[in-house]
């Protein structure tokens, strides 16, 4: 069990951000390690196809394969992060291996749900920008619904929309702040890399400095998105479904036994 007091409550934007920072810092190494795996696999795949860029027909196929690879590794990695954050938020311990094993067992729903969500969001963006943004916010709880509830297939999209109903603007504000933070972090990292490279300290890695900089930002900032999603998920379940009372009753029953 965790060493901090578990407080389950419906949260506003400020409370979610504050608790997200606490969860992120307490589980920093584990979350970064989980994020680094899919990013390393994707970077390796990108390097492999980049080395064969001279073969024109292969390049198009390589781009398609990279898209599929990205969906697979990020879907499973996101599921593992969801398990870590969801478990630690409820005061339960979970290891790197158990988190990834749980995500691998639900790889199909994770990848399928992400694929359907991306398809609907793209269709929404093709018509008007606003519907696409609304759908993007509506589907931000797919991974928690799959990993923490066991919802499968297209039902995870419906479940996410149901939990988000009436609170999309709140979620939009939270994720807007997150992407602003990512943008600022990317600028800072790029400036640092540029300054270092001016002194010739990155001469060997100069051709890869941009890619490595973006990889560093993704590994460091990526977990925060999952933390926000899980916190918003539990906040909505507490607000709409009294999850806190159900969790308390379950805990009391387990203690009595």
C-alpha atoms as a PDB file:
ATOM      1  CA  UNK A   1       0.000   0.000   0.000  1.00  0.00           C
ATOM      2  CA  UNK A   2       1.002   3.590  -0.564  1.00  0.00           C
ATOM      3  CA  UNK A   3       2.298   5.668   2.313  1.00  0.00           C
ATOM      4  CA  UNK A   4       0.052   8.668   1.629  1.00  0.00           C
ATOM      5  CA  UNK A   5      -3.581   9.164   2.622  1.00  0.00           C
ATOM      6  CA  UNK A   6      -6.102   8.283  -0.077  1.00  0.00           C
ATOM      7  CA  UNK A   7      -8.626  11.065  -0.636  1.00  0.00           C
ATOM      8  CA  UNK A   8     -11.259  10.298  -3.261  1.00  0.00           C
ATOM      9  CA  UNK A   9     -13.299  13.301  -4.337  1.00  0.00           C
ATOM     10  CA  UNK A  10     -14.684  15.023  -7.396  1.00  0.00           C
ATOM     11  CA  UNK A  11     -12.078  17.544  -8.496  1.00  0.00           C
ATOM     12  CA  UNK A  12     -12.018  20.869 -10.312  1.00  0.00           C
ATOM     13  CA  UNK A  13      -9.285  21.899 -12.753  1.00  0.00           C
ATOM     14  CA  UNK A  14      -6.925  23.209 -10.073  1.00  0.00           C
ATOM     15  CA  UNK A  15      -7.300  20.123  -7.892  1.00  0.00           C
ATOM     16  CA  UNK A  16      -6.670  17.770 -10.833  1.00  0.00           C
ATOM     17  CA  UNK A  17      -3.508  19.642 -11.834  1.00  0.00           C
ATOM     18  CA  UNK A  18      -2.234  19.703  -8.240  1.00  0.00           C
ATOM     19  CA  UNK A  19      -2.857  15.976  -7.690  1.00  0.00           C
ATOM     20  CA  UNK A  20      -1.389  15.191 -11.134  1.00  0.00           C
ATOM     21  CA  UNK A  21       1.884  16.885 -10.181  1.00  0.00           C
ATOM     22  CA  UNK A  22       1.990  14.903  -6.928  1.00  0.00           C
ATOM     23  CA  UNK A  23       1.362  11.561  -8.667  1.00  0.00           C
ATOM     24  CA  UNK A  24       3.859  12.363 -11.409  1.00  0.00           C
ATOM     25  CA  UNK A  25       6.661  13.314  -9.033  1.00  0.00           C
ATOM     26  CA  UNK A  26       6.041  10.372  -6.675  1.00  0.00           C
ATOM     27  CA  UNK A  27       6.126   7.864  -9.534  1.00  0.00           C
ATOM     28  CA  UNK A  28       8.513   9.721 -11.833  1.00  0.00           C
ATOM     29  CA  UNK A  29      11.053   6.964 -12.503  1.00  0.00           C
ATOM     30  CA  UNK A  30       8.422   4.264 -13.092  1.00  0.00           C
ATOM     31  CA  UNK A  31       6.332   6.437 -15.423  1.00  0.00           C
ATOM     32  CA  UNK A  32       9.363   7.619 -17.403  1.00  0.00           C
ATOM     33  CA  UNK A  33      10.621   4.037 -17.728  1.00  0.00           C
ATOM     34  CA  UNK A  34       7.249   2.885 -19.056  1.00  0.00           C
ATOM     35  CA  UNK A  35       7.123   5.785 -21.528  1.00  0.00           C
ATOM     36  CA  UNK A  36      10.685   5.194 -22.704  1.00  0.00           C
ATOM     37  CA  UNK A  37       9.945   1.657 -23.960  1.00  0.00           C
ATOM     38  CA  UNK A  38       7.430   2.527 -26.727  1.00  0.00           C
ATOM     39  CA  UNK A  39       9.383   5.649 -27.666  1.00  0.00           C
ATOM     40  CA  UNK A  40      12.605   3.649 -28.007  1.00  0.00           C
ATOM     41  CA  UNK A  41      10.871   1.032 -30.172  1.00  0.00           C
ATOM     42  CA  UNK A  42       9.349   3.719 -32.379  1.00  0.00           C
ATOM     43  CA  UNK A  43      12.675   5.572 -32.665  1.00  0.00           C
ATOM     44  CA  UNK A  44      14.392   2.327 -33.664  1.00  0.00           C
ATOM     45  CA  UNK A  45      11.733   1.662 -36.300  1.00  0.00           C
ATOM     46  CA  UNK A  46      12.086   5.200 -37.633  1.00  0.00           C
ATOM     47  CA  UNK A  47      15.867   4.819 -37.883  1.00  0.00           C
ATOM     48  CA  UNK A  48      15.516   1.517 -39.736  1.00  0.00           C
ATOM     49  CA  UNK A  49      13.194   2.967 -42.373  1.00  0.00           C
ATOM     50  CA  UNK A  50      15.178   6.186 -42.641  1.00  0.00           C
ATOM     51  CA  UNK A  51      18.257   4.164 -43.554  1.00  0.00           C
ATOM     52  CA  UNK A  52      16.383   2.814 -46.597  1.00  0.00           C
ATOM     53  CA  UNK A  53      14.967   6.194 -47.660  1.00  0.00           C
ATOM     54  CA  UNK A  54      16.707   5.951 -51.016  1.00  0.00           C
ATOM     55  CA  UNK A  55      14.293   3.184 -52.069  1.00  0.00           C
ATOM     56  CA  UNK A  56      11.324   5.283 -53.153  1.00  0.00           C
ATOM     57  CA  UNK A  57       8.537   2.657 -53.192  1.00  0.00           C
ATOM     58  CA  UNK A  58       9.646   1.303 -49.826  1.00  0.00           C
ATOM     59  CA  UNK A  59       9.425   4.728 -48.215  1.00  0.00           C
ATOM     60  CA  UNK A  60       5.628   4.915 -48.564  1.00  0.00           C
ATOM     61  CA  UNK A  61       5.252   1.444 -47.113  1.00  0.00           C
ATOM     62  CA  UNK A  62       7.642   2.382 -44.348  1.00  0.00           C
ATOM     63  CA  UNK A  63       5.508   5.394 -43.411  1.00  0.00           C
ATOM     64  CA  UNK A  64       2.418   3.193 -43.153  1.00  0.00           C
ATOM     65  CA  UNK A  65       4.281   0.641 -41.034  1.00  0.00           C
ATOM     66  CA  UNK A  66       5.546   3.410 -38.737  1.00  0.00           C
ATOM     67  CA  UNK A  67       1.992   4.654 -38.191  1.00  0.00           C
ATOM     68  CA  UNK A  68       0.852   1.151 -37.226  1.00  0.00           C
ATOM     69  CA  UNK A  69       3.938   0.689 -35.033  1.00  0.00           C
ATOM     70  CA  UNK A  70       3.236   3.988 -33.283  1.00  0.00           C
ATOM     71  CA  UNK A  71      -0.362   3.019 -32.569  1.00  0.00           C
ATOM     72  CA  UNK A  72       0.627  -0.394 -31.212  1.00  0.00           C
ATOM     73  CA  UNK A  73       3.504   0.643 -28.941  1.00  0.00           C
ATOM     74  CA  UNK A  74       1.858   3.855 -27.721  1.00  0.00           C
ATOM     75  CA  UNK A  75      -1.436   2.084 -27.130  1.00  0.00           C
ATOM     76  CA  UNK A  76       0.186  -0.602 -24.994  1.00  0.00           C
ATOM     77  CA  UNK A  77       2.499   1.902 -23.289  1.00  0.00           C
ATOM     78  CA  UNK A  78      -0.455   4.173 -22.529  1.00  0.00           C
ATOM     79  CA  UNK A  79      -2.345   1.215 -21.081  1.00  0.00           C
ATOM     80  CA  UNK A  80       0.606   0.372 -18.822  1.00  0.00           C
ATOM     81  CA  UNK A  81       0.828   3.972 -17.625  1.00  0.00           C
ATOM     82  CA  UNK A  82      -2.912   3.991 -16.956  1.00  0.00           C
ATOM     83  CA  UNK A  83      -2.510   0.898 -14.777  1.00  0.00           C
ATOM     84  CA  UNK A  84       0.324   2.495 -12.794  1.00  0.00           C
ATOM     85  CA  UNK A  85      -1.486   5.782 -12.209  1.00  0.00           C
ATOM     86  CA  UNK A  86      -4.828   4.103 -11.486  1.00  0.00           C
ATOM     87  CA  UNK A  87      -3.262   1.721  -8.979  1.00  0.00           C
ATOM     88  CA  UNK A  88      -1.112   4.314  -7.238  1.00  0.00           C
ATOM     89  CA  UNK A  89      -4.024   6.760  -7.032  1.00  0.00           C
ATOM     90  CA  UNK A  90      -6.005   4.119  -5.094  1.00  0.00           C
ATOM     91  CA  UNK A  91      -3.012   3.372  -2.876  1.00  0.00           C
ATOM     92  CA  UNK A  92      -2.101   0.053  -4.491  1.00  0.00           C
ATOM     93  CA  UNK A  93       1.407  -1.006  -5.474  1.00  0.00           C
ATOM     94  CA  UNK A  94       2.174  -2.145  -9.004  1.00  0.00           C
ATOM     95  CA  UNK A  95       5.447  -3.001 -10.714  1.00  0.00           C
ATOM     96  CA  UNK A  96       6.748  -2.215 -14.189  1.00  0.00           C
ATOM     97  CA  UNK A  97       6.246  -5.830 -15.294  1.00  0.00           C
ATOM     98  CA  UNK A  98       2.710  -6.153 -13.943  1.00  0.00           C
ATOM     99  CA  UNK A  99       1.669  -2.895 -15.579  1.00  0.00           C
ATOM    100  CA  UNK A 100       2.938  -3.959 -18.998  1.00  0.00           C
ATOM    101  CA  UNK A 101       1.527  -7.467 -18.605  1.00  0.00           C
ATOM    102  CA  UNK A 102      -1.922  -6.024 -17.891  1.00  0.00           C
ATOM    103  CA  UNK A 103      -1.616  -3.742 -20.934  1.00  0.00           C
ATOM    104  CA  UNK A 104      -0.492  -6.593 -23.201  1.00  0.00           C
ATOM    105  CA  UNK A 105      -3.520  -8.636 -22.157  1.00  0.00           C
ATOM    106  CA  UNK A 106      -5.747  -5.792 -23.322  1.00  0.00           C
ATOM    107  CA  UNK A 107      -3.689  -4.805 -26.363  1.00  0.00           C
ATOM    108  CA  UNK A 108      -6.554  -5.531 -28.769  1.00  0.00           C
ATOM    109  CA  UNK A 109      -9.120  -3.211 -27.130  1.00  0.00           C
ATOM    110  CA  UNK A 110      -6.458  -0.524 -26.552  1.00  0.00           C
ATOM    111  CA  UNK A 111      -5.329  -0.463 -30.176  1.00  0.00           C
ATOM    112  CA  UNK A 112      -8.826  -0.919 -31.580  1.00  0.00           C
ATOM    113  CA  UNK A 113     -10.265   1.834 -29.383  1.00  0.00           C
ATOM    114  CA  UNK A 114      -7.473   4.219 -30.349  1.00  0.00           C
ATOM    115  CA  UNK A 115      -7.950   3.420 -34.044  1.00  0.00           C
ATOM    116  CA  UNK A 116     -11.694   4.083 -33.905  1.00  0.00           C
ATOM    117  CA  UNK A 117     -11.180   7.289 -31.944  1.00  0.00           C
ATOM    118  CA  UNK A 118      -8.584   8.592 -34.409  1.00  0.00           C
ATOM    119  CA  UNK A 119     -10.869   7.741 -37.326  1.00  0.00           C
ATOM    120  CA  UNK A 120     -13.836   9.617 -35.839  1.00  0.00           C
ATOM    121  CA  UNK A 121     -11.691  12.584 -34.821  1.00  0.00           C
ATOM    122  CA  UNK A 122     -10.210  12.855 -38.328  1.00  0.00           C
ATOM    123  CA  UNK A 123     -13.688  12.732 -39.841  1.00  0.00           C
ATOM    124  CA  UNK A 124     -14.754  15.474 -37.442  1.00  0.00           C
ATOM    125  CA  UNK A 125     -11.764  17.627 -38.335  1.00  0.00           C
ATOM    126  CA  UNK A 126     -12.412  17.170 -42.057  1.00  0.00           C
ATOM    127  CA  UNK A 127     -15.833  18.779 -41.718  1.00  0.00           C
ATOM    128  CA  UNK A 128     -15.289  21.428 -39.083  1.00  0.00           C
ATOM    129  CA  UNK A 129     -12.545  21.915 -36.525  1.00  0.00           C
ATOM    130  CA  UNK A 130     -14.892  22.224 -33.545  1.00  0.00           C
ATOM    131  CA  UNK A 131     -16.551  18.777 -33.907  1.00  0.00           C
ATOM    132  CA  UNK A 132     -13.121  17.198 -34.182  1.00  0.00           C
ATOM    133  CA  UNK A 133     -11.933  18.902 -31.000  1.00  0.00           C
ATOM    134  CA  UNK A 134     -15.114  17.892 -29.177  1.00  0.00           C
ATOM    135  CA  UNK A 135     -14.581  14.276 -30.209  1.00  0.00           C
ATOM    136  CA  UNK A 136     -10.912  14.401 -29.184  1.00  0.00           C
ATOM    137  CA  UNK A 137     -11.911  15.544 -25.695  1.00  0.00           C
ATOM    138  CA  UNK A 138     -14.817  13.081 -25.542  1.00  0.00           C
ATOM    139  CA  UNK A 139     -12.507  10.121 -26.205  1.00  0.00           C
ATOM    140  CA  UNK A 140      -9.723  11.003 -23.749  1.00  0.00           C
ATOM    141  CA  UNK A 141     -10.950   8.421 -21.215  1.00  0.00           C
ATOM    142  CA  UNK A 142     -10.811   5.372 -23.506  1.00  0.00           C
ATOM    143  CA  UNK A 143      -7.659   3.915 -21.939  1.00  0.00           C
ATOM    144  CA  UNK A 144      -8.924   4.256 -18.330  1.00  0.00           C
ATOM    145  CA  UNK A 145     -12.259   2.696 -19.320  1.00  0.00           C
ATOM    146  CA  UNK A 146     -10.449  -0.296 -20.867  1.00  0.00           C
ATOM    147  CA  UNK A 147      -7.711  -0.786 -18.274  1.00  0.00           C
ATOM    148  CA  UNK A 148      -9.565   0.125 -15.079  1.00  0.00           C
ATOM    149  CA  UNK A 149     -13.069  -1.128 -15.919  1.00  0.00           C
ATOM    150  CA  UNK A 150     -12.453  -3.828 -18.483  1.00  0.00           C
ATOM    151  CA  UNK A 151     -14.683  -2.189 -21.109  1.00  0.00           C
ATOM    152  CA  UNK A 152     -13.981  -3.626 -24.550  1.00  0.00           C
ATOM    153  CA  UNK A 153     -14.159  -2.573 -28.184  1.00  0.00           C
ATOM    154  CA  UNK A 154     -16.380   0.257 -29.341  1.00  0.00           C
ATOM    155  CA  UNK A 155     -18.045   0.339 -25.924  1.00  0.00           C
ATOM    156  CA  UNK A 156     -14.963   2.090 -24.562  1.00  0.00           C
ATOM    157  CA  UNK A 157     -15.705   5.072 -26.826  1.00  0.00           C
ATOM    158  CA  UNK A 158     -19.295   5.197 -25.613  1.00  0.00           C
ATOM    159  CA  UNK A 159     -18.162   4.880 -22.000  1.00  0.00           C
ATOM    160  CA  UNK A 160     -15.682   7.736 -22.413  1.00  0.00           C
ATOM    161  CA  UNK A 161     -18.339   9.979 -23.998  1.00  0.00           C
ATOM    162  CA  UNK A 162     -20.754   9.199 -21.155  1.00  0.00           C
ATOM    163  CA  UNK A 163     -18.264  10.120 -18.452  1.00  0.00           C
ATOM    164  CA  UNK A 164     -17.195  13.280 -20.302  1.00  0.00           C
ATOM    165  CA  UNK A 165     -20.748  14.518 -20.936  1.00  0.00           C
ATOM    166  CA  UNK A 166     -21.245  17.955 -19.429  1.00  0.00           C
ATOM    167  CA  UNK A 167     -17.571  18.410 -18.560  1.00  0.00           C
ATOM    168  CA  UNK A 168     -15.856  18.649 -21.943  1.00  0.00           C
ATOM    169  CA  UNK A 169     -14.878  22.296 -21.464  1.00  0.00           C
ATOM    170  CA  UNK A 170     -13.208  21.461 -18.172  1.00  0.00           C
ATOM    171  CA  UNK A 171     -11.230  18.667 -19.827  1.00  0.00           C
ATOM    172  CA  UNK A 172     -10.387  20.916 -22.789  1.00  0.00           C
ATOM    173  CA  UNK A 173      -8.926  23.522 -20.420  1.00  0.00           C
ATOM    174  CA  UNK A 174      -6.854  20.885 -18.614  1.00  0.00           C
ATOM    175  CA  UNK A 175      -5.396  19.472 -21.828  1.00  0.00           C
ATOM    176  CA  UNK A 176      -4.825  22.948 -23.263  1.00  0.00           C
ATOM    177  CA  UNK A 177      -2.646  23.714 -20.255  1.00  0.00           C
ATOM    178  CA  UNK A 178      -0.858  20.419 -20.751  1.00  0.00           C
ATOM    179  CA  UNK A 179      -0.034  21.095 -24.412  1.00  0.00           C
ATOM    180  CA  UNK A 180       1.138  24.620 -23.586  1.00  0.00           C
ATOM    181  CA  UNK A 181       3.497  23.068 -21.015  1.00  0.00           C
ATOM    182  CA  UNK A 182       4.740  20.564 -23.628  1.00  0.00           C
ATOM    183  CA  UNK A 183       5.347  23.398 -26.099  1.00  0.00           C
ATOM    184  CA  UNK A 184       7.286  25.412 -23.509  1.00  0.00           C
ATOM    185  CA  UNK A 185       9.324  22.344 -22.502  1.00  0.00           C
ATOM    186  CA  UNK A 186      10.175  21.648 -26.151  1.00  0.00           C
ATOM    187  CA  UNK A 187      11.401  25.215 -26.651  1.00  0.00           C
ATOM    188  CA  UNK A 188      13.557  25.051 -23.506  1.00  0.00           C
ATOM    189  CA  UNK A 189      15.112  21.706 -24.498  1.00  0.00           C
ATOM    190  CA  UNK A 190      15.823  22.909 -28.036  1.00  0.00           C
ATOM    191  CA  UNK A 191      17.437  26.107 -26.715  1.00  0.00           C
ATOM    192  CA  UNK A 192      19.658  24.121 -24.347  1.00  0.00           C
ATOM    193  CA  UNK A 193      20.678  21.718 -27.128  1.00  0.00           C
ATOM    194  CA  UNK A 194      21.402  24.647 -29.453  1.00  0.00           C
ATOM    195  CA  UNK A 195      23.552  26.414 -26.857  1.00  0.00           C
ATOM    196  CA  UNK A 196      25.496  23.222 -26.085  1.00  0.00           C
ATOM    197  CA  UNK A 197      25.990  22.483 -29.773  1.00  0.00           C
ATOM    198  CA  UNK A 198      27.451  25.962 -30.283  1.00  0.00           C
ATOM    199  CA  UNK A 199      30.373  24.891 -28.073  1.00  0.00           C
ATOM    200  CA  UNK A 200      30.912  21.764 -30.157  1.00  0.00           C
ATOM    201  CA  UNK A 201      29.920  19.391 -27.353  1.00  0.00           C
ATOM    202  CA  UNK A 202      27.349  17.571 -29.488  1.00  0.00           C
ATOM    203  CA  UNK A 203      29.432  17.234 -32.630  1.00  0.00           C
ATOM    204  CA  UNK A 204      28.920  13.469 -32.824  1.00  0.00           C
ATOM    205  CA  UNK A 205      25.155  13.686 -32.212  1.00  0.00           C
ATOM    206  CA  UNK A 206      24.540  16.883 -34.190  1.00  0.00           C
ATOM    207  CA  UNK A 207      22.547  15.186 -37.016  1.00  0.00           C
ATOM    208  CA  UNK A 208      20.229  13.596 -34.439  1.00  0.00           C
ATOM    209  CA  UNK A 209      19.960  16.506 -31.987  1.00  0.00           C
ATOM    210  CA  UNK A 210      16.429  17.518 -33.048  1.00  0.00           C
ATOM    211  CA  UNK A 211      15.091  13.967 -32.895  1.00  0.00           C
ATOM    212  CA  UNK A 212      16.741  13.284 -29.544  1.00  0.00           C
ATOM    213  CA  UNK A 213      15.417  16.559 -28.145  1.00  0.00           C
ATOM    214  CA  UNK A 214      11.832  15.703 -29.112  1.00  0.00           C
ATOM    215  CA  UNK A 215      12.302  12.182 -27.759  1.00  0.00           C
ATOM    216  CA  UNK A 216      13.431  13.615 -24.419  1.00  0.00           C
ATOM    217  CA  UNK A 217      10.420  15.926 -24.240  1.00  0.00           C
ATOM    218  CA  UNK A 218       8.048  13.060 -25.079  1.00  0.00           C
ATOM    219  CA  UNK A 219       9.535  10.750 -22.455  1.00  0.00           C
ATOM    220  CA  UNK A 220       9.423  13.418 -19.748  1.00  0.00           C
ATOM    221  CA  UNK A 221       6.050  14.997 -20.578  1.00  0.00           C
ATOM    222  CA  UNK A 222       4.173  12.050 -22.061  1.00  0.00           C
ATOM    223  CA  UNK A 223       3.272  10.380 -18.728  1.00  0.00           C
ATOM    224  CA  UNK A 224       1.582  13.556 -17.515  1.00  0.00           C
ATOM    225  CA  UNK A 225      -1.151  13.127 -20.133  1.00  0.00           C
ATOM    226  CA  UNK A 226      -2.014   9.677 -18.758  1.00  0.00           C
ATOM    227  CA  UNK A 227      -1.980  11.022 -15.211  1.00  0.00           C
ATOM    228  CA  UNK A 228      -4.482  13.717 -16.178  1.00  0.00           C
ATOM    229  CA  UNK A 229      -6.738  11.213 -17.953  1.00  0.00           C
ATOM    230  CA  UNK A 230      -6.844   8.814 -14.994  1.00  0.00           C
ATOM    231  CA  UNK A 231      -7.520  11.593 -12.483  1.00  0.00           C
ATOM    232  CA  UNK A 232     -10.287  13.021 -14.645  1.00  0.00           C
ATOM    233  CA  UNK A 233     -11.713   9.509 -15.053  1.00  0.00           C
ATOM    234  CA  UNK A 234     -11.923   8.888 -11.318  1.00  0.00           C
ATOM    235  CA  UNK A 235     -13.207  12.399 -10.682  1.00  0.00           C
ATOM    236  CA  UNK A 236     -16.057  11.828 -13.127  1.00  0.00           C
ATOM    237  CA  UNK A 237     -16.890   8.404 -11.680  1.00  0.00           C
ATOM    238  CA  UNK A 238     -16.999   9.928  -8.198  1.00  0.00           C
ATOM    239  CA  UNK A 239     -19.123  12.833  -9.401  1.00  0.00           C
ATOM    240  CA  UNK A 240     -21.562  10.772 -11.485  1.00  0.00           C
ATOM    241  CA  UNK A 241     -21.473   7.282 -10.005  1.00  0.00           C
ATOM    242  CA  UNK A 242     -20.373   7.677  -6.349  1.00  0.00           C
ATOM    243  CA  UNK A 243     -17.237   5.622  -6.983  1.00  0.00           C
ATOM    244  CA  UNK A 244     -15.749   6.851  -3.707  1.00  0.00           C
ATOM    245  CA  UNK A 245     -18.556   5.238  -1.684  1.00  0.00           C
ATOM    246  CA  UNK A 246     -18.259   1.982  -3.629  1.00  0.00           C
ATOM    247  CA  UNK A 247     -14.494   1.919  -3.091  1.00  0.00           C
ATOM    248  CA  UNK A 248     -14.923   2.619   0.631  1.00  0.00           C
ATOM    249  CA  UNK A 249     -17.486  -0.186   0.957  1.00  0.00           C
ATOM    250  CA  UNK A 250     -15.152  -2.591  -0.855  1.00  0.00           C
ATOM    251  CA  UNK A 251     -12.237  -1.608   1.392  1.00  0.00           C
ATOM    252  CA  UNK A 252     -14.340  -2.059   4.531  1.00  0.00           C
ATOM    253  CA  UNK A 253     -15.491  -5.504   3.352  1.00  0.00           C
ATOM    254  CA  UNK A 254     -11.915  -6.587   2.633  1.00  0.00           C
ATOM    255  CA  UNK A 255     -10.806  -5.305   6.061  1.00  0.00           C
ATOM    256  CA  UNK A 256     -13.618  -7.193   7.828  1.00  0.00           C
ATOM    257  CA  UNK A 257     -12.557 -10.435   6.160  1.00  0.00           C
END
